[in-house]
Protein backbone atom coordinates (compact mmCIF):
# COMPACT_ATOMS: atom_id res chain seq x y z
CA UNK A 1 21.80 137.38 108.69
CA UNK A 2 20.36 136.37 104.49
CA UNK A 3 24.28 135.03 104.73
CA UNK A 4 24.13 133.14 107.77
CA UNK A 5 20.98 131.05 106.55
CA UNK A 6 21.73 130.39 103.05
CA UNK A 7 24.95 128.54 104.70
CA UNK A 8 22.84 126.70 107.36
CA UNK A 9 20.72 126.01 104.09
CA UNK A 10 23.60 125.40 102.02
CA UNK A 11 24.95 122.92 104.51
CA UNK A 12 22.02 120.58 105.44
CA UNK A 13 21.00 120.28 102.18
CA UNK A 14 24.75 119.04 101.05
CA UNK A 15 24.90 116.60 104.80
CA UNK A 16 21.42 114.54 103.83
CA UNK A 17 21.87 114.01 100.08
CA UNK A 18 25.92 112.62 100.86
CA UNK A 19 24.13 110.42 104.08
CA UNK A 20 21.39 109.18 101.45
CA UNK A 21 23.59 108.65 97.91
CA UNK A 22 26.63 107.97 100.04
CA UNK A 23 25.93 105.73 103.77
CA UNK A 24 27.07 107.04 106.44
CA UNK A 25 27.80 110.47 108.83
CA UNK A 26 28.48 112.36 107.16
CA UNK A 27 29.82 116.76 108.44
CA UNK A 28 29.33 120.08 106.62
CA UNK A 29 31.09 122.47 107.53
CA UNK A 30 30.31 125.55 105.47
CA UNK A 31 31.96 129.37 105.55
CA UNK A 32 31.74 133.45 102.93
CA UNK A 33 35.75 133.46 102.94
CA UNK A 34 38.43 131.04 103.81
CA UNK A 35 38.20 128.96 106.62
CA UNK A 36 40.62 126.03 108.09
CA UNK A 37 39.58 123.10 109.03
CA UNK A 38 41.69 119.81 110.34
CA UNK A 39 39.36 116.50 109.83
CA UNK A 40 40.00 112.46 110.12
CA UNK A 41 39.07 111.03 106.97
CA UNK A 42 38.71 109.32 104.47
CA UNK A 43 36.46 110.91 102.29
CA UNK A 44 35.64 114.69 101.71
CA UNK A 45 34.24 117.30 99.69
CA UNK A 46 35.07 120.82 98.73
CA UNK A 47 33.07 123.02 96.35
CA UNK A 48 33.72 127.09 96.75
CA UNK A 49 31.18 128.76 94.60
CA UNK A 50 31.03 132.55 95.05
CA UNK A 51 32.30 133.31 98.22
CA UNK A 52 30.76 130.84 100.42
CA UNK A 53 32.98 127.48 100.65
CA UNK A 54 32.03 124.10 101.67
CA UNK A 55 33.53 121.52 103.21
CA UNK A 56 32.08 117.30 103.81
CA UNK A 57 33.64 114.53 105.48
CA UNK A 58 32.60 111.64 106.16
CA UNK A 59 33.26 110.59 109.85
CA UNK A 60 35.19 107.77 110.79
CA UNK A 61 33.55 104.93 112.37
CA UNK A 62 35.24 103.84 115.98
CA UNK A 63 36.74 100.69 114.52
CA UNK A 64 38.87 102.48 111.91
CA UNK A 65 40.11 105.09 115.05
CA UNK A 66 41.62 102.55 116.79
């Protein structure tokens, strides 16, 4: 359960920092070990520290999706 708490706290901190510093809405996925995910975005970052990998990406706005 401690591992789940660490990844949960990490993703919320990353999301808050990205939205405050870069603007826009960001989604963040954090997991221990490998994972696979497909996104439609132009701004993203993936970082691994220890065995936790976090992937943050900016949501596309409606105008860009059309």
